[in-house]
Amino acid sequence: MILLDISTGWKTGIMIAAMIAVFYLFLIRPQSQKAKEEEKYRNGLQKGDKVMTAGGIHGTIVSTGGGYAQIEVAKDVVMKVQLSTLNPIPERIKN
């Protein structure tokens, strides 16, 4: 095997580099991709879109601007929430 001919210091360095690569591929990269998708979703929100807040409140967007959105949660009941708290409604509970 190739690693048998390499000194102990190099073996350790290769193993550390391999562990860093695994952490990047399985933890850091997917998380950053998910964050990009969420940002794209929030920037694309428009009037009439159905959303759910981080607290589980469902509503329809009335307006957006300045990092905030106004959502109607019941007839004539409008809440102002931060865009960062809005999530798409999961498919299994959409009606």
N, C-alpha and C. Protein backbone atom coordinates (compact mmCIF):
# COMPACT_ATOMS: atom_id res chain seq x y z
N MET A 1 0.85 -1.18 0.00
CA MET A 1 0.00 0.00 0.00
C MET A 1 0.89 1.24 0.00
N ILE A 2 0.44 2.28 -0.64
CA ILE A 2 1.24 3.49 -0.80
C ILE A 2 1.51 4.17 0.54
N LEU A 3 0.54 4.17 1.43
CA LEU A 3 0.72 4.87 2.71
C LEU A 3 1.79 4.24 3.60
N LEU A 4 2.13 2.98 3.36
CA LEU A 4 3.14 2.33 4.19
C LEU A 4 4.53 2.91 3.95
N ASP A 5 4.78 3.47 2.79
CA ASP A 5 6.08 4.03 2.47
C ASP A 5 6.25 5.47 2.94
N ILE A 6 5.19 6.08 3.45
CA ILE A 6 5.21 7.49 3.84
C ILE A 6 5.49 7.58 5.34
N SER A 7 6.22 8.62 5.74
CA SER A 7 6.54 8.79 7.17
C SER A 7 5.27 9.07 7.98
N THR A 8 5.35 8.91 9.28
CA THR A 8 4.21 9.06 10.18
C THR A 8 3.62 10.47 10.12
N GLY A 9 4.45 11.48 10.00
CA GLY A 9 3.95 12.87 9.93
C GLY A 9 3.07 13.10 8.72
N TRP A 10 3.48 12.54 7.60
CA TRP A 10 2.68 12.70 6.38
C TRP A 10 1.36 11.94 6.48
N LYS A 11 1.39 10.75 7.09
CA LYS A 11 0.16 9.96 7.25
C LYS A 11 -0.87 10.75 8.07
N THR A 12 -0.40 11.36 9.15
CA THR A 12 -1.28 12.16 10.00
C THR A 12 -1.85 13.34 9.22
N GLY A 13 -1.01 14.01 8.46
CA GLY A 13 -1.47 15.15 7.66
C GLY A 13 -2.50 14.75 6.63
N ILE A 14 -2.27 13.61 5.99
CA ILE A 14 -3.24 13.12 4.99
C ILE A 14 -4.57 12.78 5.65
N MET A 15 -4.52 12.15 6.80
CA MET A 15 -5.76 11.78 7.51
C MET A 15 -6.53 13.03 7.95
N ILE A 16 -5.84 14.04 8.44
CA ILE A 16 -6.50 15.28 8.84
C ILE A 16 -7.13 15.95 7.63
N ALA A 17 -6.41 15.99 6.51
CA ALA A 17 -6.96 16.58 5.29
C ALA A 17 -8.19 15.81 4.81
N ALA A 18 -8.15 14.49 4.93
CA ALA A 18 -9.29 13.67 4.53
C ALA A 18 -10.50 13.95 5.43
N MET A 19 -10.27 14.11 6.73
CA MET A 19 -11.38 14.40 7.64
C MET A 19 -11.98 15.77 7.35
N ILE A 20 -11.15 16.75 7.06
CA ILE A 20 -11.65 18.08 6.71
C ILE A 20 -12.49 18.01 5.44
N ALA A 21 -12.02 17.24 4.45
CA ALA A 21 -12.76 17.09 3.20
C ALA A 21 -14.13 16.44 3.45
N VAL A 22 -14.16 15.43 4.31
CA VAL A 22 -15.43 14.77 4.62
C VAL A 22 -16.38 15.73 5.32
N PHE A 23 -15.89 16.50 6.29
CA PHE A 23 -16.74 17.48 6.97
C PHE A 23 -17.30 18.49 5.98
N TYR A 24 -16.46 18.96 5.07
CA TYR A 24 -16.92 19.93 4.09
C TYR A 24 -17.99 19.33 3.20
N LEU A 25 -17.76 18.13 2.68
CA LEU A 25 -18.69 17.52 1.73
C LEU A 25 -20.02 17.13 2.37
N PHE A 26 -19.99 16.68 3.62
CA PHE A 26 -21.22 16.17 4.23
C PHE A 26 -21.91 17.15 5.17
N LEU A 27 -21.23 18.19 5.65
CA LEU A 27 -21.85 19.11 6.60
C LEU A 27 -21.92 20.55 6.08
N ILE A 28 -20.81 21.11 5.71
CA ILE A 28 -20.76 22.54 5.39
C ILE A 28 -21.40 22.84 4.05
N ARG A 29 -21.06 22.09 3.01
CA ARG A 29 -21.58 22.37 1.67
C ARG A 29 -23.10 22.23 1.59
N PRO A 30 -23.71 21.15 2.08
CA PRO A 30 -25.17 21.05 2.01
C PRO A 30 -25.88 22.16 2.79
N GLN A 31 -25.30 22.56 3.92
CA GLN A 31 -25.92 23.62 4.71
C GLN A 31 -25.88 24.95 3.96
N SER A 32 -24.78 25.24 3.30
CA SER A 32 -24.69 26.50 2.55
C SER A 32 -25.61 26.47 1.33
N GLN A 33 -25.78 25.33 0.70
CA GLN A 33 -26.71 25.22 -0.42
C GLN A 33 -28.15 25.43 0.04
N LYS A 34 -28.50 24.88 1.19
CA LYS A 34 -29.85 25.07 1.73
C LYS A 34 -30.10 26.53 2.06
N ALA A 35 -29.10 27.21 2.62
CA ALA A 35 -29.24 28.63 2.94
C ALA A 35 -29.45 29.46 1.68
N LYS A 36 -28.75 29.12 0.59
CA LYS A 36 -28.94 29.83 -0.68
C LYS A 36 -30.36 29.62 -1.22
N GLU A 37 -30.88 28.40 -1.12
CA GLU A 37 -32.23 28.10 -1.58
C GLU A 37 -33.26 28.89 -0.78
N GLU A 38 -33.07 28.95 0.54
CA GLU A 38 -34.00 29.69 1.39
C GLU A 38 -33.97 31.18 1.07
N GLU A 39 -32.80 31.73 0.83
CA GLU A 39 -32.67 33.15 0.47
C GLU A 39 -33.36 33.42 -0.87
N LYS A 40 -33.19 32.52 -1.81
CA LYS A 40 -33.84 32.66 -3.12
C LYS A 40 -35.36 32.63 -2.95
N TYR A 41 -35.85 31.73 -2.11
CA TYR A 41 -37.29 31.64 -1.85
C TYR A 41 -37.82 32.94 -1.25
N ARG A 42 -37.13 33.44 -0.24
CA ARG A 42 -37.60 34.65 0.45
C ARG A 42 -37.55 35.88 -0.44
N ASN A 43 -36.55 35.96 -1.32
CA ASN A 43 -36.47 37.09 -2.24
C ASN A 43 -37.53 37.02 -3.33
N GLY A 44 -38.06 35.84 -3.58
CA GLY A 44 -39.06 35.67 -4.63
C GLY A 44 -40.50 35.73 -4.13
N LEU A 45 -40.69 36.01 -2.87
CA LEU A 45 -42.06 36.07 -2.33
C LEU A 45 -42.82 37.25 -2.92
N GLN A 46 -44.08 37.00 -3.27
CA GLN A 46 -44.93 38.02 -3.85
C GLN A 46 -46.28 38.04 -3.16
N LYS A 47 -47.02 39.09 -3.42
CA LYS A 47 -48.36 39.22 -2.86
C LYS A 47 -49.20 38.02 -3.29
N GLY A 48 -49.90 37.44 -2.33
CA GLY A 48 -50.77 36.30 -2.60
C GLY A 48 -50.14 34.95 -2.31
N ASP A 49 -48.83 34.90 -2.09
CA ASP A 49 -48.17 33.63 -1.76
C ASP A 49 -48.57 33.17 -0.37
N LYS A 50 -48.80 31.88 -0.24
CA LYS A 50 -49.13 31.30 1.07
C LYS A 50 -47.83 30.90 1.75
N VAL A 51 -47.68 31.30 3.01
CA VAL A 51 -46.46 31.05 3.77
C VAL A 51 -46.79 30.57 5.17
N MET A 52 -45.75 30.12 5.86
CA MET A 52 -45.86 29.72 7.25
C MET A 52 -44.70 30.36 8.00
N THR A 53 -44.96 30.95 9.16
CA THR A 53 -43.88 31.54 9.95
C THR A 53 -43.15 30.44 10.70
N ALA A 54 -42.00 30.79 11.26
CA ALA A 54 -41.22 29.83 12.04
C ALA A 54 -42.02 29.32 13.24
N GLY A 55 -42.97 30.13 13.71
CA GLY A 55 -43.81 29.74 14.83
C GLY A 55 -45.01 28.89 14.44
N GLY A 56 -45.19 28.64 13.14
CA GLY A 56 -46.28 27.78 12.67
C GLY A 56 -47.54 28.51 12.27
N ILE A 57 -47.50 29.84 12.21
CA ILE A 57 -48.67 30.61 11.81
C ILE A 57 -48.74 30.65 10.29
N HIS A 58 -49.90 30.27 9.75
CA HIS A 58 -50.10 30.26 8.31
C HIS A 58 -50.77 31.55 7.88
N GLY A 59 -50.38 32.04 6.69
CA GLY A 59 -50.98 33.26 6.19
C GLY A 59 -50.69 33.46 4.72
N THR A 60 -51.22 34.57 4.20
CA THR A 60 -51.03 34.96 2.82
C THR A 60 -50.35 36.31 2.79
N ILE A 61 -49.33 36.46 1.95
CA ILE A 61 -48.58 37.71 1.89
C ILE A 61 -49.45 38.82 1.31
N VAL A 62 -49.45 39.94 2.01
CA VAL A 62 -50.16 41.14 1.56
C VAL A 62 -49.17 42.10 0.91
N SER A 63 -47.98 42.26 1.52
CA SER A 63 -46.94 43.12 0.96
C SER A 63 -45.59 42.75 1.55
N THR A 64 -44.51 43.14 0.84
CA THR A 64 -43.16 42.91 1.33
C THR A 64 -42.33 44.17 1.12
N GLY A 65 -41.28 44.31 1.91
CA GLY A 65 -40.37 45.44 1.74
C GLY A 65 -39.54 45.66 2.98
N GLY A 66 -38.28 46.05 2.79
CA GLY A 66 -37.41 46.38 3.91
C GLY A 66 -37.10 45.22 4.84
N GLY A 67 -37.08 43.99 4.32
CA GLY A 67 -36.79 42.84 5.16
C GLY A 67 -37.99 42.34 5.95
N TYR A 68 -39.14 42.93 5.72
CA TYR A 68 -40.37 42.53 6.42
C TYR A 68 -41.45 42.17 5.41
N ALA A 69 -42.43 41.43 5.88
CA ALA A 69 -43.61 41.11 5.07
C ALA A 69 -44.83 41.28 5.95
N GLN A 70 -45.92 41.69 5.34
CA GLN A 70 -47.19 41.73 6.04
C GLN A 70 -47.99 40.54 5.54
N ILE A 71 -48.44 39.71 6.48
CA ILE A 71 -49.22 38.54 6.10
C ILE A 71 -50.60 38.62 6.73
N GLU A 72 -51.58 38.20 5.97
CA GLU A 72 -52.96 38.15 6.46
C GLU A 72 -53.19 36.75 7.00
N VAL A 73 -53.51 36.65 8.29
CA VAL A 73 -53.70 35.35 8.92
C VAL A 73 -55.17 35.00 9.09
N ALA A 74 -56.02 35.98 9.03
CA ALA A 74 -57.46 35.80 9.06
C ALA A 74 -58.06 37.02 8.37
N LYS A 75 -59.34 37.01 8.14
CA LYS A 75 -59.97 38.13 7.46
C LYS A 75 -59.73 39.41 8.26
N ASP A 76 -59.11 40.39 7.62
CA ASP A 76 -58.81 41.70 8.21
C ASP A 76 -57.84 41.63 9.40
N VAL A 77 -57.05 40.57 9.50
CA VAL A 77 -56.02 40.45 10.53
C VAL A 77 -54.68 40.33 9.82
N VAL A 78 -53.86 41.40 9.92
CA VAL A 78 -52.58 41.45 9.22
C VAL A 78 -51.46 41.54 10.25
N MET A 79 -50.42 40.72 10.05
CA MET A 79 -49.25 40.72 10.94
C MET A 79 -48.02 41.15 10.14
N LYS A 80 -47.13 41.89 10.79
CA LYS A 80 -45.85 42.25 10.19
C LYS A 80 -44.79 41.33 10.76
N VAL A 81 -44.10 40.59 9.87
CA VAL A 81 -43.09 39.63 10.30
C VAL A 81 -41.82 39.81 9.48
N GLN A 82 -40.70 39.37 10.01
CA GLN A 82 -39.45 39.41 9.27
C GLN A 82 -39.46 38.33 8.19
N LEU A 83 -38.88 38.65 7.04
CA LEU A 83 -38.82 37.68 5.95
C LEU A 83 -38.06 36.42 6.36
N SER A 84 -37.08 36.57 7.24
CA SER A 84 -36.27 35.42 7.64
C SER A 84 -37.07 34.38 8.42
N THR A 85 -38.26 34.74 8.91
CA THR A 85 -39.07 33.77 9.65
C THR A 85 -40.05 33.03 8.76
N LEU A 86 -40.12 33.39 7.48
CA LEU A 86 -41.10 32.78 6.58
C LEU A 86 -40.55 31.54 5.89
N ASN A 87 -41.38 30.52 5.83
CA ASN A 87 -41.03 29.25 5.19
C ASN A 87 -42.17 28.85 4.26
N PRO A 88 -41.86 28.07 3.23
CA PRO A 88 -42.94 27.56 2.40
C PRO A 88 -43.78 26.57 3.20
N ILE A 89 -45.05 26.48 2.87
CA ILE A 89 -45.92 25.52 3.55
C ILE A 89 -45.56 24.13 3.05
N PRO A 90 -45.29 23.18 3.94
CA PRO A 90 -44.95 21.83 3.52
C PRO A 90 -46.07 21.21 2.67
N GLU A 91 -45.69 20.44 1.68
CA GLU A 91 -46.65 19.84 0.73
C GLU A 91 -47.69 18.98 1.44
N ARG A 92 -47.33 18.30 2.51
CA ARG A 92 -48.26 17.36 3.15
C ARG A 92 -49.42 18.07 3.84
N ILE A 93 -49.30 19.40 4.11
CA ILE A 93 -50.41 20.08 4.77
C ILE A 93 -51.04 21.16 3.89
N LYS A 94 -50.62 21.25 2.62
CA LYS A 94 -51.24 22.20 1.70
C LYS A 94 -52.63 21.73 1.34
N ASN A 95 -53.55 22.67 1.29
CA ASN A 95 -54.92 22.34 0.87
C ASN A 95 -55.38 23.33 -0.16
